[in-house]
């Protein structure tokens, strides 16, 4: 009986999650509008990762249900990789979704969009979720999935760092030398 209840809760949560293709399309469009050029594929995957983490920070839940794979240069969403290569990331994100996650998108763009792809790759290599996934030993040719629960751990670390930074700067305990 408990398994049926857990499954129903899982299905309900899944219904509340957003379409990752629409999220990726939104990021591509917003990037083009802001910087006047197409986002490169590596940067798109990293911004999607940071968007997922930021959603967990702000809402307690992931934005989408798709799982990242821990590739050599950081997290990758395989379904988005193929859509990017085929130039088919043109789906519209519904306005209510864009508004609901406005702070998530704004934070990610303000913090990460201006950085080059290799810097973003280095940042993701510091993430616990990526490191744990890369440590798993799998047969040749198989990619390691990044567990959403591990992204939650990274999100919690970021929340603590932000809290401490705000506390220090708000109280004037921090002096810029």
N, C-alpha and C. Protein backbone atom coordinates (compact mmCIF):
# COMPACT_ATOMS: atom_id res chain seq x y z
N UNK A 1 0.81 -1.19 0.00
CA UNK A 1 0.00 0.00 0.00
C UNK A 1 0.86 1.26 0.00
N UNK A 2 1.92 1.24 0.80
CA UNK A 2 2.81 2.41 0.89
C UNK A 2 3.45 2.70 -0.47
N UNK A 3 3.84 1.67 -1.21
CA UNK A 3 4.46 1.86 -2.52
C UNK A 3 3.50 2.55 -3.50
N UNK A 4 2.22 2.20 -3.46
CA UNK A 4 1.24 2.85 -4.32
C UNK A 4 1.12 4.33 -3.98
N UNK A 5 1.12 4.63 -2.69
CA UNK A 5 1.03 6.03 -2.26
C UNK A 5 2.26 6.81 -2.73
N UNK A 6 3.45 6.24 -2.54
CA UNK A 6 4.68 6.89 -2.98
C UNK A 6 4.68 7.08 -4.49
N UNK A 7 4.17 6.10 -5.22
CA UNK A 7 4.11 6.22 -6.68
C UNK A 7 3.18 7.36 -7.08
N UNK A 8 2.03 7.47 -6.42
CA UNK A 8 1.09 8.56 -6.74
C UNK A 8 1.72 9.91 -6.46
N UNK A 9 2.44 10.02 -5.35
CA UNK A 9 3.12 11.28 -5.03
C UNK A 9 4.17 11.59 -6.10
N UNK A 10 4.91 10.57 -6.53
CA UNK A 10 5.92 10.74 -7.57
C UNK A 10 5.28 11.23 -8.87
N UNK A 11 4.17 10.63 -9.25
CA UNK A 11 3.47 11.02 -10.48
C UNK A 11 2.96 12.45 -10.38
N UNK A 12 2.41 12.82 -9.24
CA UNK A 12 1.93 14.20 -9.04
C UNK A 12 3.07 15.20 -9.14
N UNK A 13 4.20 14.88 -8.54
CA UNK A 13 5.36 15.77 -8.64
C UNK A 13 5.83 15.89 -10.08
N UNK A 14 5.84 14.77 -10.79
CA UNK A 14 6.27 14.76 -12.18
C UNK A 14 5.38 15.66 -13.03
N UNK A 15 4.08 15.64 -12.76
CA UNK A 15 3.14 16.50 -13.51
C UNK A 15 3.42 17.98 -13.26
N UNK A 16 3.94 18.30 -12.07
CA UNK A 16 4.22 19.69 -11.73
C UNK A 16 5.52 20.19 -12.35
N UNK A 17 6.34 19.29 -12.83
CA UNK A 17 7.61 19.68 -13.41
C UNK A 17 7.42 20.22 -14.81
N UNK A 18 8.33 21.05 -15.20
CA UNK A 18 8.25 21.72 -16.50
C UNK A 18 8.96 20.90 -17.57
N UNK A 19 8.63 21.22 -18.81
CA UNK A 19 9.21 20.57 -19.98
C UNK A 19 10.61 21.12 -20.21
N UNK A 20 11.61 20.26 -20.12
CA UNK A 20 13.00 20.70 -20.24
C UNK A 20 13.30 21.29 -21.62
N UNK A 21 12.61 20.84 -22.65
CA UNK A 21 12.82 21.39 -23.99
C UNK A 21 12.38 22.86 -24.02
N UNK A 22 11.28 23.15 -23.37
CA UNK A 22 10.81 24.55 -23.30
C UNK A 22 11.74 25.41 -22.46
N UNK A 23 12.28 24.82 -21.39
CA UNK A 23 13.24 25.55 -20.55
C UNK A 23 14.51 25.83 -21.36
N UNK A 24 15.01 24.83 -22.06
CA UNK A 24 16.22 25.01 -22.89
C UNK A 24 15.96 26.03 -23.99
N UNK A 25 14.79 25.97 -24.61
CA UNK A 25 14.44 26.93 -25.66
C UNK A 25 14.41 28.35 -25.11
N UNK A 26 13.85 28.50 -23.92
CA UNK A 26 13.79 29.81 -23.26
C UNK A 26 15.20 30.34 -23.00
N UNK A 27 16.07 29.48 -22.48
CA UNK A 27 17.45 29.91 -22.21
C UNK A 27 18.14 30.33 -23.50
N UNK A 28 17.96 29.55 -24.58
CA UNK A 28 18.56 29.91 -25.87
C UNK A 28 18.07 31.27 -26.35
N UNK A 29 16.77 31.49 -26.29
CA UNK A 29 16.19 32.75 -26.75
C UNK A 29 16.66 33.92 -25.88
N UNK A 30 16.61 33.74 -24.59
CA UNK A 30 17.02 34.82 -23.68
C UNK A 30 18.50 35.15 -23.88
N UNK A 31 19.31 34.13 -24.08
CA UNK A 31 20.74 34.36 -24.31
C UNK A 31 20.95 35.16 -25.61
N UNK A 32 20.26 34.76 -26.67
CA UNK A 32 20.39 35.47 -27.95
C UNK A 32 19.96 36.93 -27.81
N UNK A 33 18.88 37.16 -27.10
CA UNK A 33 18.40 38.54 -26.90
C UNK A 33 19.40 39.37 -26.10
N UNK A 34 20.01 38.77 -25.10
CA UNK A 34 20.91 39.51 -24.22
C UNK A 34 22.28 39.72 -24.85
N UNK A 35 22.81 38.70 -25.53
CA UNK A 35 24.19 38.78 -26.03
C UNK A 35 24.30 38.90 -27.55
N UNK A 36 23.18 38.79 -28.26
CA UNK A 36 23.19 38.98 -29.70
C UNK A 36 23.80 37.85 -30.50
N UNK A 37 23.92 36.68 -29.89
CA UNK A 37 24.47 35.53 -30.61
C UNK A 37 23.89 34.25 -30.02
N UNK A 38 24.06 33.17 -30.75
CA UNK A 38 23.57 31.86 -30.31
C UNK A 38 24.43 31.34 -29.16
N UNK A 39 23.79 30.77 -28.20
CA UNK A 39 24.50 30.16 -27.08
C UNK A 39 25.20 28.90 -27.57
N UNK A 40 26.42 28.64 -27.08
CA UNK A 40 27.08 27.40 -27.48
C UNK A 40 26.52 26.25 -26.64
N UNK A 41 26.68 25.05 -27.16
CA UNK A 41 26.05 23.90 -26.53
C UNK A 41 26.54 23.64 -25.11
N UNK A 42 27.83 23.75 -24.88
CA UNK A 42 28.35 23.50 -23.54
C UNK A 42 27.74 24.46 -22.53
N UNK A 43 27.67 25.73 -22.90
CA UNK A 43 27.11 26.73 -22.00
C UNK A 43 25.64 26.44 -21.73
N UNK A 44 24.90 26.03 -22.74
CA UNK A 44 23.48 25.71 -22.56
C UNK A 44 23.31 24.62 -21.50
N UNK A 45 24.10 23.55 -21.58
CA UNK A 45 23.98 22.47 -20.60
C UNK A 45 24.32 22.96 -19.19
N UNK A 46 25.33 23.80 -19.08
CA UNK A 46 25.72 24.29 -17.76
C UNK A 46 24.64 25.23 -17.20
N UNK A 47 24.07 26.08 -18.04
CA UNK A 47 23.00 26.97 -17.56
C UNK A 47 21.77 26.17 -17.16
N UNK A 48 21.49 25.09 -17.87
CA UNK A 48 20.39 24.20 -17.49
C UNK A 48 20.67 23.57 -16.12
N UNK A 49 21.89 23.14 -15.90
CA UNK A 49 22.26 22.57 -14.61
C UNK A 49 22.07 23.59 -13.49
N UNK A 50 22.59 24.80 -13.70
CA UNK A 50 22.47 25.82 -12.66
C UNK A 50 21.01 26.25 -12.46
N UNK A 51 20.22 26.19 -13.53
CA UNK A 51 18.80 26.48 -13.40
C UNK A 51 18.12 25.42 -12.53
N UNK A 52 18.47 24.17 -12.76
CA UNK A 52 17.90 23.08 -11.94
C UNK A 52 18.30 23.27 -10.47
N UNK A 53 19.56 23.55 -10.23
CA UNK A 53 20.03 23.74 -8.86
C UNK A 53 19.36 24.96 -8.21
N UNK A 54 19.24 26.05 -8.96
CA UNK A 54 18.62 27.26 -8.43
C UNK A 54 17.15 27.05 -8.12
N UNK A 55 16.48 26.25 -8.94
CA UNK A 55 15.08 25.93 -8.66
C UNK A 55 14.97 25.18 -7.32
N UNK A 56 15.88 24.26 -7.08
CA UNK A 56 15.87 23.52 -5.82
C UNK A 56 16.14 24.47 -4.66
N UNK A 57 17.06 25.40 -4.85
CA UNK A 57 17.36 26.38 -3.81
C UNK A 57 16.12 27.20 -3.46
N UNK A 58 15.43 27.69 -4.48
CA UNK A 58 14.33 28.63 -4.25
C UNK A 58 12.99 27.99 -3.97
N UNK A 59 12.73 26.82 -4.54
CA UNK A 59 11.41 26.20 -4.40
C UNK A 59 11.44 24.89 -3.62
N UNK A 60 12.63 24.33 -3.45
CA UNK A 60 12.75 23.03 -2.80
C UNK A 60 12.53 21.87 -3.75
N UNK A 61 12.20 22.17 -5.01
CA UNK A 61 11.92 21.12 -5.99
C UNK A 61 12.68 21.38 -7.29
N UNK A 62 13.02 20.30 -8.00
CA UNK A 62 13.65 20.50 -9.32
C UNK A 62 12.65 21.11 -10.30
N UNK A 63 13.16 21.81 -11.27
CA UNK A 63 12.32 22.45 -12.28
C UNK A 63 11.82 21.45 -13.31
N UNK A 64 12.66 20.48 -13.63
CA UNK A 64 12.30 19.46 -14.63
C UNK A 64 12.76 18.09 -14.14
N UNK A 65 12.18 17.05 -14.71
CA UNK A 65 12.45 15.69 -14.26
C UNK A 65 13.59 15.00 -14.96
N UNK A 66 14.08 15.54 -16.06
CA UNK A 66 15.16 14.90 -16.81
C UNK A 66 16.43 14.87 -15.98
N UNK A 67 17.20 13.80 -16.14
CA UNK A 67 18.45 13.63 -15.39
C UNK A 67 19.66 14.00 -16.25
N UNK A 68 20.59 14.67 -15.62
CA UNK A 68 21.85 15.00 -16.27
C UNK A 68 22.75 13.78 -16.25
N UNK A 69 23.64 13.73 -17.23
CA UNK A 69 24.72 12.76 -17.22
C UNK A 69 26.00 13.51 -16.90
N UNK A 70 26.91 12.85 -16.19
CA UNK A 70 28.18 13.46 -15.80
C UNK A 70 29.23 13.18 -16.87
N UNK A 71 29.30 14.05 -17.86
CA UNK A 71 30.28 13.91 -18.94
C UNK A 71 31.59 14.56 -18.51
N UNK A 72 32.60 14.35 -19.32
CA UNK A 72 33.95 14.83 -19.03
C UNK A 72 33.97 16.32 -18.69
N UNK A 73 33.23 17.13 -19.43
CA UNK A 73 33.28 18.58 -19.22
C UNK A 73 32.09 19.11 -18.42
N UNK A 74 31.40 18.22 -17.72
CA UNK A 74 30.32 18.66 -16.84
C UNK A 74 28.99 18.02 -17.20
N UNK A 75 27.93 18.48 -16.53
CA UNK A 75 26.59 17.91 -16.74
C UNK A 75 26.06 18.13 -18.16
N UNK A 76 25.41 17.09 -18.69
CA UNK A 76 24.82 17.14 -20.03
C UNK A 76 23.44 16.48 -19.99
N UNK A 77 22.47 17.10 -20.65
CA UNK A 77 21.16 16.49 -20.87
C UNK A 77 21.15 15.96 -22.30
N UNK A 78 21.16 14.65 -22.45
CA UNK A 78 21.31 14.03 -23.77
C UNK A 78 20.18 14.44 -24.72
N UNK A 79 18.95 14.49 -24.25
CA UNK A 79 17.82 14.87 -25.12
C UNK A 79 17.99 16.29 -25.64
N UNK A 80 18.53 17.17 -24.83
CA UNK A 80 18.76 18.56 -25.25
C UNK A 80 19.93 18.62 -26.21
N UNK A 81 20.91 17.81 -26.00
CA UNK A 81 22.08 17.76 -26.91
C UNK A 81 21.63 17.50 -28.34
N UNK A 82 20.76 16.50 -28.50
CA UNK A 82 20.28 16.17 -29.84
C UNK A 82 19.43 17.30 -30.42
N UNK A 83 18.58 17.88 -29.61
CA UNK A 83 17.74 19.00 -30.08
C UNK A 83 18.60 20.20 -30.48
N UNK A 84 19.65 20.46 -29.72
CA UNK A 84 20.56 21.56 -30.05
C UNK A 84 21.23 21.30 -31.40
N UNK A 85 21.74 20.09 -31.58
CA UNK A 85 22.41 19.74 -32.84
C UNK A 85 21.47 19.86 -34.03
N UNK A 86 20.19 19.52 -33.81
CA UNK A 86 19.19 19.60 -34.89
C UNK A 86 18.57 20.98 -35.03
N UNK A 87 19.01 21.91 -34.20
CA UNK A 87 18.48 23.28 -34.18
C UNK A 87 16.95 23.28 -34.04
N UNK A 88 16.47 22.52 -33.04
CA UNK A 88 15.01 22.43 -32.82
C UNK A 88 14.62 22.89 -31.42
N UNK A 89 15.39 23.80 -30.86
CA UNK A 89 15.04 24.36 -29.55
C UNK A 89 14.34 25.70 -29.76
N UNK A 90 13.09 25.62 -30.19
CA UNK A 90 12.33 26.83 -30.51
C UNK A 90 10.95 26.81 -29.88
N UNK A 91 10.77 26.02 -28.82
CA UNK A 91 9.46 25.93 -28.19
C UNK A 91 9.28 27.06 -27.19
N UNK A 92 8.07 27.56 -27.12
CA UNK A 92 7.79 28.70 -26.26
C UNK A 92 7.50 28.24 -24.83
N UNK A 93 8.11 28.94 -23.89
CA UNK A 93 7.84 28.69 -22.48
C UNK A 93 6.59 29.48 -22.11
N UNK A 94 5.56 28.83 -21.57
CA UNK A 94 4.34 29.56 -21.21
C UNK A 94 4.64 30.70 -20.24
N UNK A 95 3.97 31.82 -20.42
CA UNK A 95 4.20 33.01 -19.59
C UNK A 95 4.06 32.73 -18.10
N UNK A 96 3.06 31.95 -17.67
CA UNK A 96 2.95 31.68 -16.23
C UNK A 96 4.17 30.93 -15.67
N UNK A 97 4.75 30.07 -16.47
CA UNK A 97 5.95 29.34 -16.03
C UNK A 97 7.13 30.30 -15.95
N UNK A 98 7.27 31.13 -16.96
CA UNK A 98 8.35 32.12 -16.96
C UNK A 98 8.23 33.02 -15.74
N UNK A 99 7.04 33.45 -15.43
CA UNK A 99 6.82 34.34 -14.28
C UNK A 99 7.08 33.60 -12.96
N UNK A 100 6.61 32.36 -12.86
CA UNK A 100 6.78 31.57 -11.64
C UNK A 100 8.26 31.37 -11.30
N UNK A 101 9.08 31.21 -12.34
CA UNK A 101 10.50 30.93 -12.12
C UNK A 101 11.39 32.11 -12.49
N UNK A 102 10.83 33.29 -12.52
CA UNK A 102 11.57 34.49 -12.91
C UNK A 102 12.85 34.68 -12.09
N UNK A 103 12.74 34.56 -10.78
CA UNK A 103 13.91 34.74 -9.92
C UNK A 103 14.98 33.67 -10.19
N UNK A 104 14.54 32.47 -10.49
CA UNK A 104 15.47 31.39 -10.82
C UNK A 104 16.25 31.76 -12.08
N UNK A 105 15.52 32.10 -13.14
CA UNK A 105 16.16 32.44 -14.41
C UNK A 105 17.04 33.67 -14.27
N UNK A 106 16.53 34.70 -13.58
CA UNK A 106 17.31 35.93 -13.42
C UNK A 106 18.61 35.68 -12.67
N UNK A 107 18.55 34.90 -11.61
CA UNK A 107 19.77 34.60 -10.84
C UNK A 107 20.78 33.86 -11.68
N UNK A 108 20.33 32.86 -12.42
CA UNK A 108 21.24 32.08 -13.26
C UNK A 108 21.87 32.97 -14.33
N UNK A 109 21.07 33.80 -14.97
CA UNK A 109 21.62 34.66 -16.02
C UNK A 109 22.57 35.70 -15.45
N UNK A 110 22.21 36.31 -14.34
CA UNK A 110 23.07 37.34 -13.73
C UNK A 110 24.40 36.74 -13.26
N UNK A 111 24.35 35.52 -12.78
CA UNK A 111 25.54 34.90 -12.19
C UNK A 111 26.41 34.18 -13.20
N UNK A 112 25.80 33.48 -14.17
CA UNK A 112 26.56 32.55 -15.00
C UNK A 112 26.58 32.85 -16.50
N UNK A 113 25.59 33.49 -17.04
CA UNK A 113 25.48 33.62 -18.50
C UNK A 113 26.65 34.38 -19.12
N UNK A 114 27.23 35.31 -18.40
CA UNK A 114 28.34 36.10 -18.96
C UNK A 114 29.68 35.36 -18.90
N UNK A 115 29.75 34.27 -18.17
CA UNK A 115 31.00 33.51 -18.07
C UNK A 115 31.20 32.63 -19.30
N UNK A 116 32.45 32.37 -19.64
CA UNK A 116 32.71 31.51 -20.79
C UNK A 116 32.42 30.05 -20.42
N UNK A 117 32.20 29.23 -21.42
CA UNK A 117 31.80 27.84 -21.23
C UNK A 117 32.81 27.03 -20.43
N UNK A 118 34.09 27.27 -20.66
CA UNK A 118 35.11 26.51 -19.95
C UNK A 118 35.13 26.85 -18.47
N UNK A 119 34.86 28.11 -18.14
CA UNK A 119 34.75 28.49 -16.72
C UNK A 119 33.55 27.80 -16.08
N UNK A 120 32.45 27.75 -16.79
CA UNK A 120 31.27 27.07 -16.27
C UNK A 120 31.54 25.58 -16.09
N UNK A 121 32.29 25.00 -17.01
CA UNK A 121 32.67 23.59 -16.88
C UNK A 121 33.48 23.39 -15.61
N UNK A 122 34.43 24.27 -15.36
CA UNK A 122 35.26 24.18 -14.14
C UNK A 122 34.40 24.31 -12.89
N UNK A 123 33.44 25.22 -12.93
CA UNK A 123 32.55 25.40 -11.77
C UNK A 123 31.76 24.12 -11.51
N UNK A 124 31.23 23.51 -12.57
CA UNK A 124 30.44 22.28 -12.37
C UNK A 124 31.32 21.13 -11.88
N UNK A 125 32.61 21.17 -12.20
CA UNK A 125 33.51 20.13 -11.71
C UNK A 125 33.70 20.23 -10.19
N UNK A 126 33.40 21.38 -9.62
CA UNK A 126 33.46 21.56 -8.18
C UNK A 126 32.19 21.13 -7.47
N UNK A 127 31.17 20.79 -8.24
CA UNK A 127 29.89 20.39 -7.65
C UNK A 127 29.98 18.95 -7.14
N UNK A 128 29.47 18.74 -5.95
CA UNK A 128 29.43 17.42 -5.34
C UNK A 128 28.72 16.43 -6.25
N UNK A 129 27.59 16.84 -6.82
CA UNK A 129 26.77 15.93 -7.66
C UNK A 129 27.57 15.39 -8.84
N UNK A 130 28.32 16.25 -9.50
CA UNK A 130 29.12 15.82 -10.66
C UNK A 130 30.25 14.90 -10.19
N UNK A 131 30.91 15.28 -9.10
CA UNK A 131 32.04 14.49 -8.61
C UNK A 131 31.61 13.08 -8.21
N UNK A 132 30.49 12.97 -7.50
CA UNK A 132 30.00 11.65 -7.07
C UNK A 132 29.66 10.80 -8.29
N UNK A 133 28.97 11.38 -9.26
CA UNK A 133 28.59 10.63 -10.46
C UNK A 133 29.81 10.17 -11.23
N UNK A 134 30.83 10.98 -11.33
CA UNK A 134 32.04 10.62 -12.07
C UNK A 134 32.84 9.52 -11.37
N UNK A 135 32.64 9.37 -10.07
CA UNK A 135 33.38 8.34 -9.33
C UNK A 135 32.80 6.94 -9.54
N UNK A 136 31.55 6.89 -9.98
CA UNK A 136 30.93 5.58 -10.19
C UNK A 136 31.63 4.85 -11.34
N UNK A 137 31.86 3.60 -11.15
CA UNK A 137 32.51 2.80 -12.19
C UNK A 137 31.42 2.10 -12.99
N UNK A 138 31.42 2.35 -14.28
CA UNK A 138 30.44 1.75 -15.18
C UNK A 138 31.14 1.10 -16.36
N UNK A 139 30.45 0.17 -17.02
CA UNK A 139 31.03 -0.42 -18.23
C UNK A 139 31.35 0.66 -19.27
N UNK A 140 32.34 0.39 -20.09
CA UNK A 140 32.77 1.33 -21.13
C UNK A 140 31.60 1.79 -21.98
N UNK A 141 31.54 3.08 -22.25
CA UNK A 141 30.50 3.63 -23.13
C UNK A 141 29.24 4.07 -22.42
N UNK A 142 29.10 3.70 -21.16
CA UNK A 142 27.92 4.13 -20.41
C UNK A 142 28.24 5.42 -19.65
N UNK A 143 27.27 6.32 -19.63
CA UNK A 143 27.47 7.58 -18.91
C UNK A 143 26.85 7.48 -17.53
N UNK A 144 27.39 8.26 -16.66
CA UNK A 144 26.95 8.26 -15.27
C UNK A 144 25.85 9.29 -15.07
N UNK A 145 24.73 8.87 -14.49
CA UNK A 145 23.65 9.80 -14.20
C UNK A 145 23.97 10.59 -12.94
N UNK A 146 23.59 11.86 -12.95
CA UNK A 146 23.73 12.71 -11.77
C UNK A 146 22.42 12.63 -11.01
N UNK A 147 22.47 12.18 -9.77
CA UNK A 147 21.27 12.03 -8.96
C UNK A 147 20.74 13.40 -8.53
N UNK A 148 19.45 13.60 -8.67
CA UNK A 148 18.83 14.86 -8.25
C UNK A 148 19.06 15.09 -6.77
N UNK A 149 19.09 14.04 -5.98
CA UNK A 149 19.36 14.20 -4.54
C UNK A 149 20.75 14.76 -4.30
N UNK A 150 21.69 14.43 -5.18
CA UNK A 150 23.03 15.00 -5.05
C UNK A 150 23.04 16.48 -5.45
N UNK A 151 22.23 16.85 -6.43
CA UNK A 151 22.09 18.27 -6.78
C UNK A 151 21.47 19.01 -5.60
N UNK A 152 20.55 18.37 -4.89
CA UNK A 152 19.96 18.97 -3.68
C UNK A 152 21.05 19.29 -2.65
N UNK A 153 22.03 18.41 -2.52
CA UNK A 153 23.13 18.66 -1.57
C UNK A 153 23.92 19.89 -1.99
N UNK A 154 24.18 20.02 -3.28
CA UNK A 154 24.87 21.22 -3.77
C UNK A 154 24.02 22.46 -3.53
N UNK A 155 22.72 22.34 -3.75
CA UNK A 155 21.82 23.47 -3.54
C UNK A 155 21.85 23.91 -2.08
N UNK A 156 21.87 22.96 -1.18
CA UNK A 156 21.92 23.29 0.25
C UNK A 156 23.23 23.99 0.59
N UNK A 157 24.34 23.55 0.01
CA UNK A 157 25.63 24.20 0.25
C UNK A 157 25.60 25.65 -0.23
N UNK A 158 25.01 25.87 -1.40
CA UNK A 158 24.92 27.23 -1.95
C UNK A 158 24.04 28.10 -1.06
N UNK A 159 22.92 27.56 -0.60
CA UNK A 159 22.03 28.31 0.30
C UNK A 159 22.77 28.75 1.56
N UNK A 160 23.55 27.85 2.13
CA UNK A 160 24.31 28.18 3.34
C UNK A 160 25.33 29.27 3.04
N UNK A 161 26.05 29.13 1.93
CA UNK A 161 27.04 30.16 1.56
C UNK A 161 26.39 31.52 1.36
N UNK A 162 25.25 31.54 0.67
CA UNK A 162 24.55 32.82 0.45
C UNK A 162 24.08 33.43 1.77
N UNK A 163 23.55 32.59 2.64
CA UNK A 163 23.08 33.06 3.93
C UNK A 163 24.23 33.70 4.71
N UNK A 164 25.36 33.00 4.77
CA UNK A 164 26.51 33.51 5.51
C UNK A 164 27.04 34.79 4.88
N UNK A 165 27.11 34.82 3.56
CA UNK A 165 27.59 36.02 2.87
C UNK A 165 26.68 37.22 3.17
N UNK A 166 25.38 37.01 3.09
CA UNK A 166 24.43 38.09 3.38
C UNK A 166 24.54 38.54 4.83
N UNK A 167 24.70 37.60 5.73
CA UNK A 167 24.81 37.93 7.15
C UNK A 167 26.07 38.76 7.41
N UNK A 168 27.17 38.35 6.82
CA UNK A 168 28.42 39.07 7.01
C UNK A 168 28.34 40.47 6.41
N UNK A 169 27.84 40.57 5.19
CA UNK A 169 27.80 41.88 4.53
C UNK A 169 26.74 42.79 5.15
N UNK A 170 25.66 42.22 5.63
CA UNK A 170 24.59 43.02 6.24
C UNK A 170 25.04 43.59 7.58
N UNK A 171 25.77 42.83 8.34
CA UNK A 171 26.22 43.25 9.67
C UNK A 171 27.49 44.11 9.63
N UNK A 172 28.06 44.26 8.45
CA UNK A 172 29.27 45.05 8.33
C UNK A 172 30.49 44.36 8.90
N UNK A 173 30.38 43.06 9.14
CA UNK A 173 31.51 42.30 9.68
C UNK A 173 32.59 42.06 8.63
N UNK A 174 32.23 42.28 7.39
CA UNK A 174 33.16 42.02 6.30
C UNK A 174 33.76 43.33 5.84
N UNK A 175 35.07 43.39 5.84
CA UNK A 175 35.74 44.60 5.36
C UNK A 175 36.45 44.24 4.06
N UNK A 176 36.23 45.05 3.05
CA UNK A 176 36.88 44.83 1.76
C UNK A 176 38.25 45.46 1.81
N UNK A 177 39.29 44.65 1.81
CA UNK A 177 40.67 45.17 1.89
C UNK A 177 41.19 45.49 0.53
